[in-house]
Every structure is written in structure tokens, then in C-alpha cells.
Amino acid sequence: MPTISMFFGIIIRMFYRDNKQHNLPHIHAEYQGEVAVFAIMDGIILDGSLPNPKRKLVEAWIEIHRDDLLADWQLAVEGAKVFKIKGLE
């Protein structure tokens, strides 16, 4: 599962060909051992949890980078290499 971004201690990953379990474009965000799966289209949590301040950062990041995330999702489902996406500063 490649890491596509890191910011404020949060690691964002996207699985290759991971369109079966959650059945829609999503990312996995990890912070200090906690993992949440976020839908790319609306930023809602599909599974897991993160501390509230970190959850809000991931939601904002998804909003800013939605087009890039969807492009990476398409690459990932096809098994192609995904691109890194700039984190929040």
C-alpha cells in the first residue's frame, strides 16, 4: 500500500486494486496507530477513526486535493503507480 502523502504525523495511503471492500474511491489515513478509511468524494469516514483534530485535517486535505486523489484512485485500481500528493503545511 503506497504512501501518497504525509502531514502533521498523518500518513495517507492508497491500496492498489482496493475497489472491492469499500466499493468506492477512498484513502486510508493513519495517525499513531489509529486508522480511518475516508471516502474521496465527500470525505466521510467509512471505517475506523482518528482523533477529531486529525480527522478535520484529513477532511480538509481531501477537499483541496480531490481531483488529484481521484486521478490516483484510477491509477491504483488499474494497478499502475500512484503519484505523491502534497500534504498540508
N, C-alpha and C. Protein backbone atom coordinates (compact mmCIF):
# COMPACT_ATOMS: atom_id res chain seq x y z
N MET A 1 0.87 -1.17 0.00
CA MET A 1 0.00 0.00 0.00
C MET A 1 0.91 1.22 0.00
N PRO A 2 0.98 1.93 -1.11
CA PRO A 2 1.88 3.07 -1.19
C PRO A 2 1.40 4.27 -0.37
N THR A 3 2.37 4.97 0.20
CA THR A 3 2.10 6.22 0.90
C THR A 3 2.05 7.32 -0.14
N ILE A 4 0.92 8.06 -0.18
CA ILE A 4 0.82 9.12 -1.17
C ILE A 4 1.02 10.50 -0.57
N SER A 5 0.93 10.61 0.78
CA SER A 5 1.16 11.90 1.42
C SER A 5 1.41 11.71 2.91
N MET A 6 2.07 12.69 3.51
CA MET A 6 2.28 12.71 4.96
C MET A 6 2.25 14.17 5.42
N PHE A 7 1.53 14.42 6.50
CA PHE A 7 1.49 15.76 7.07
C PHE A 7 1.01 15.68 8.52
N PHE A 8 1.62 16.49 9.37
CA PHE A 8 1.24 16.58 10.78
C PHE A 8 1.14 15.21 11.46
N GLY A 9 2.06 14.31 11.12
CA GLY A 9 2.07 12.98 11.72
C GLY A 9 1.06 12.02 11.13
N ILE A 10 0.31 12.44 10.11
CA ILE A 10 -0.70 11.60 9.47
C ILE A 10 -0.09 11.00 8.20
N ILE A 11 -0.28 9.71 8.03
CA ILE A 11 0.19 9.02 6.83
C ILE A 11 -1.03 8.65 5.99
N ILE A 12 -1.01 9.07 4.72
CA ILE A 12 -2.12 8.78 3.80
C ILE A 12 -1.66 7.72 2.81
N ARG A 13 -2.45 6.65 2.73
CA ARG A 13 -2.11 5.56 1.81
C ARG A 13 -3.30 5.23 0.92
N MET A 14 -2.96 4.59 -0.21
CA MET A 14 -4.00 4.13 -1.13
C MET A 14 -3.59 2.73 -1.58
N PHE A 15 -4.47 1.75 -1.39
CA PHE A 15 -4.21 0.38 -1.81
C PHE A 15 -4.37 0.26 -3.32
N TYR A 16 -3.56 -0.62 -3.91
CA TYR A 16 -3.75 -0.96 -5.31
C TYR A 16 -4.94 -1.90 -5.43
N ARG A 17 -5.75 -1.68 -6.42
CA ARG A 17 -6.91 -2.53 -6.73
C ARG A 17 -7.81 -2.75 -5.52
N ASP A 18 -7.99 -1.72 -4.71
CA ASP A 18 -8.80 -1.81 -3.48
C ASP A 18 -10.20 -1.25 -3.73
N ASN A 19 -10.89 -1.76 -4.74
CA ASN A 19 -12.23 -1.25 -5.03
C ASN A 19 -13.30 -2.28 -4.67
N LYS A 20 -12.94 -3.32 -3.96
CA LYS A 20 -13.91 -4.36 -3.58
C LYS A 20 -14.47 -4.12 -2.17
N GLN A 21 -13.57 -3.90 -1.18
CA GLN A 21 -14.00 -3.82 0.21
C GLN A 21 -14.97 -2.66 0.47
N HIS A 22 -14.61 -1.46 0.06
CA HIS A 22 -15.46 -0.30 0.33
C HIS A 22 -16.24 0.13 -0.90
N ASN A 23 -15.87 -0.39 -2.05
CA ASN A 23 -16.64 -0.23 -3.28
C ASN A 23 -16.77 1.21 -3.77
N LEU A 24 -15.91 2.10 -3.33
CA LEU A 24 -15.88 3.46 -3.84
C LEU A 24 -14.51 4.05 -3.58
N PRO A 25 -14.14 5.10 -4.29
CA PRO A 25 -12.81 5.69 -4.11
C PRO A 25 -12.60 6.13 -2.66
N HIS A 26 -11.46 5.71 -2.09
CA HIS A 26 -11.18 6.03 -0.69
C HIS A 26 -9.68 6.00 -0.42
N ILE A 27 -9.32 6.56 0.72
CA ILE A 27 -7.94 6.54 1.20
C ILE A 27 -7.91 5.99 2.61
N HIS A 28 -6.73 5.58 3.04
CA HIS A 28 -6.51 5.11 4.40
C HIS A 28 -5.61 6.14 5.08
N ALA A 29 -6.05 6.68 6.20
CA ALA A 29 -5.26 7.67 6.95
C ALA A 29 -4.88 7.05 8.29
N GLU A 30 -3.60 7.14 8.64
CA GLU A 30 -3.11 6.57 9.89
C GLU A 30 -2.45 7.64 10.73
N TYR A 31 -2.75 7.61 12.01
CA TYR A 31 -2.12 8.54 12.96
C TYR A 31 -1.93 7.80 14.27
N GLN A 32 -0.68 7.65 14.69
CA GLN A 32 -0.32 7.00 15.94
C GLN A 32 -1.06 5.68 16.17
N GLY A 33 -1.06 4.83 15.16
CA GLY A 33 -1.65 3.51 15.29
C GLY A 33 -3.15 3.44 15.03
N GLU A 34 -3.82 4.58 14.93
CA GLU A 34 -5.25 4.58 14.60
C GLU A 34 -5.38 4.76 13.09
N VAL A 35 -6.34 4.05 12.50
CA VAL A 35 -6.54 4.11 11.05
C VAL A 35 -8.00 4.38 10.75
N ALA A 36 -8.22 5.27 9.79
CA ALA A 36 -9.58 5.55 9.31
C ALA A 36 -9.57 5.50 7.79
N VAL A 37 -10.67 5.04 7.23
CA VAL A 37 -10.84 4.99 5.78
C VAL A 37 -11.81 6.10 5.42
N PHE A 38 -11.37 7.01 4.54
CA PHE A 38 -12.17 8.17 4.13
C PHE A 38 -12.61 8.04 2.68
N ALA A 39 -13.86 8.33 2.40
CA ALA A 39 -14.34 8.39 1.02
C ALA A 39 -13.75 9.65 0.37
N ILE A 40 -13.29 9.52 -0.85
CA ILE A 40 -12.70 10.67 -1.54
C ILE A 40 -13.77 11.67 -1.96
N MET A 41 -14.92 11.20 -2.39
CA MET A 41 -15.94 12.11 -2.93
C MET A 41 -16.50 13.09 -1.90
N ASP A 42 -16.70 12.63 -0.66
CA ASP A 42 -17.30 13.53 0.34
C ASP A 42 -16.54 13.61 1.65
N GLY A 43 -15.44 12.87 1.78
CA GLY A 43 -14.60 12.96 2.96
C GLY A 43 -15.15 12.27 4.20
N ILE A 44 -16.26 11.54 4.08
CA ILE A 44 -16.80 10.88 5.28
C ILE A 44 -15.97 9.64 5.63
N ILE A 45 -15.98 9.27 6.90
CA ILE A 45 -15.26 8.09 7.35
C ILE A 45 -16.11 6.86 7.07
N LEU A 46 -15.53 5.91 6.35
CA LEU A 46 -16.20 4.66 6.03
C LEU A 46 -15.92 3.58 7.07
N ASP A 47 -14.77 3.69 7.71
CA ASP A 47 -14.37 2.67 8.67
C ASP A 47 -13.27 3.26 9.57
N GLY A 48 -13.21 2.81 10.82
CA GLY A 48 -12.16 3.25 11.73
C GLY A 48 -12.41 4.64 12.29
N SER A 49 -11.35 5.21 12.88
CA SER A 49 -11.47 6.55 13.47
C SER A 49 -10.09 7.18 13.64
N LEU A 50 -10.10 8.49 13.75
CA LEU A 50 -8.91 9.28 14.07
C LEU A 50 -9.33 10.30 15.12
N PRO A 51 -8.35 10.81 15.90
CA PRO A 51 -8.70 11.90 16.82
C PRO A 51 -9.32 13.06 16.03
N ASN A 52 -10.29 13.72 16.61
CA ASN A 52 -11.06 14.76 15.91
C ASN A 52 -10.20 15.81 15.20
N PRO A 53 -9.16 16.38 15.85
CA PRO A 53 -8.36 17.38 15.13
C PRO A 53 -7.68 16.81 13.88
N LYS A 54 -7.21 15.57 13.96
CA LYS A 54 -6.56 14.95 12.80
C LYS A 54 -7.59 14.60 11.73
N ARG A 55 -8.77 14.17 12.13
CA ARG A 55 -9.85 13.88 11.19
C ARG A 55 -10.17 15.12 10.37
N LYS A 56 -10.27 16.26 11.04
CA LYS A 56 -10.58 17.51 10.34
C LYS A 56 -9.48 17.89 9.35
N LEU A 57 -8.23 17.64 9.71
CA LEU A 57 -7.13 17.92 8.78
C LEU A 57 -7.24 17.05 7.53
N VAL A 58 -7.53 15.76 7.72
CA VAL A 58 -7.66 14.86 6.57
C VAL A 58 -8.84 15.28 5.70
N GLU A 59 -9.95 15.64 6.31
CA GLU A 59 -11.12 16.09 5.54
C GLU A 59 -10.79 17.33 4.71
N ALA A 60 -10.06 18.28 5.30
CA ALA A 60 -9.66 19.50 4.57
C ALA A 60 -8.71 19.14 3.42
N TRP A 61 -7.77 18.25 3.69
CA TRP A 61 -6.81 17.83 2.67
C TRP A 61 -7.53 17.15 1.50
N ILE A 62 -8.49 16.30 1.80
CA ILE A 62 -9.27 15.64 0.74
C ILE A 62 -9.99 16.69 -0.11
N GLU A 63 -10.59 17.67 0.53
CA GLU A 63 -11.31 18.73 -0.19
C GLU A 63 -10.38 19.47 -1.16
N ILE A 64 -9.18 19.77 -0.69
CA ILE A 64 -8.21 20.51 -1.51
C ILE A 64 -7.70 19.66 -2.68
N HIS A 65 -7.50 18.39 -2.45
CA HIS A 65 -6.82 17.53 -3.43
C HIS A 65 -7.74 16.48 -4.06
N ARG A 66 -9.03 16.70 -4.05
CA ARG A 66 -9.98 15.70 -4.55
C ARG A 66 -9.66 15.25 -5.98
N ASP A 67 -9.39 16.18 -6.89
CA ASP A 67 -9.10 15.80 -8.28
C ASP A 67 -7.85 14.93 -8.38
N ASP A 68 -6.80 15.30 -7.64
CA ASP A 68 -5.57 14.50 -7.63
C ASP A 68 -5.83 13.12 -7.05
N LEU A 69 -6.63 13.06 -5.99
CA LEU A 69 -6.95 11.78 -5.35
C LEU A 69 -7.73 10.87 -6.30
N LEU A 70 -8.67 11.44 -7.01
CA LEU A 70 -9.45 10.64 -7.96
C LEU A 70 -8.57 10.13 -9.10
N ALA A 71 -7.63 10.95 -9.53
CA ALA A 71 -6.70 10.51 -10.58
C ALA A 71 -5.82 9.37 -10.05
N ASP A 72 -5.31 9.51 -8.82
CA ASP A 72 -4.53 8.43 -8.21
C ASP A 72 -5.38 7.18 -8.02
N TRP A 73 -6.64 7.35 -7.63
CA TRP A 73 -7.53 6.19 -7.44
C TRP A 73 -7.64 5.40 -8.75
N GLN A 74 -7.84 6.11 -9.85
CA GLN A 74 -7.96 5.43 -11.14
C GLN A 74 -6.69 4.65 -11.46
N LEU A 75 -5.54 5.25 -11.20
CA LEU A 75 -4.27 4.55 -11.42
C LEU A 75 -4.18 3.32 -10.53
N ALA A 76 -4.54 3.48 -9.26
CA ALA A 76 -4.43 2.38 -8.30
C ALA A 76 -5.31 1.19 -8.68
N VAL A 77 -6.55 1.46 -9.10
CA VAL A 77 -7.45 0.36 -9.47
C VAL A 77 -6.91 -0.38 -10.69
N GLU A 78 -6.20 0.34 -11.54
CA GLU A 78 -5.61 -0.29 -12.72
C GLU A 78 -4.29 -0.96 -12.41
N GLY A 79 -3.81 -0.83 -11.16
CA GLY A 79 -2.54 -1.44 -10.77
C GLY A 79 -1.33 -0.62 -11.17
N ALA A 80 -1.55 0.62 -11.59
CA ALA A 80 -0.44 1.49 -12.00
C ALA A 80 0.12 2.24 -10.80
N LYS A 81 1.29 2.81 -10.97
CA LYS A 81 1.94 3.56 -9.89
C LYS A 81 1.18 4.86 -9.63
N VAL A 82 0.90 5.13 -8.34
CA VAL A 82 0.21 6.37 -7.99
C VAL A 82 1.25 7.47 -7.73
N PHE A 83 0.79 8.71 -7.77
CA PHE A 83 1.66 9.86 -7.57
C PHE A 83 1.55 10.37 -6.14
N LYS A 84 2.62 10.96 -5.65
CA LYS A 84 2.60 11.61 -4.34
C LYS A 84 1.75 12.88 -4.47
N ILE A 85 1.07 13.22 -3.37
CA ILE A 85 0.26 14.44 -3.32
C ILE A 85 0.75 15.28 -2.15
N LYS A 86 0.93 16.54 -2.38
CA LYS A 86 1.45 17.45 -1.36
C LYS A 86 0.56 17.43 -0.12
N GLY A 87 1.18 17.42 1.03
CA GLY A 87 0.45 17.47 2.29
C GLY A 87 0.12 18.89 2.71
N LEU A 88 -0.55 19.02 3.82
CA LEU A 88 -0.86 20.35 4.37
C LEU A 88 0.40 20.90 5.03
N GLU A 89 0.53 22.20 5.01
CA GLU A 89 1.70 22.84 5.65
C GLU A 89 1.26 23.79 6.72
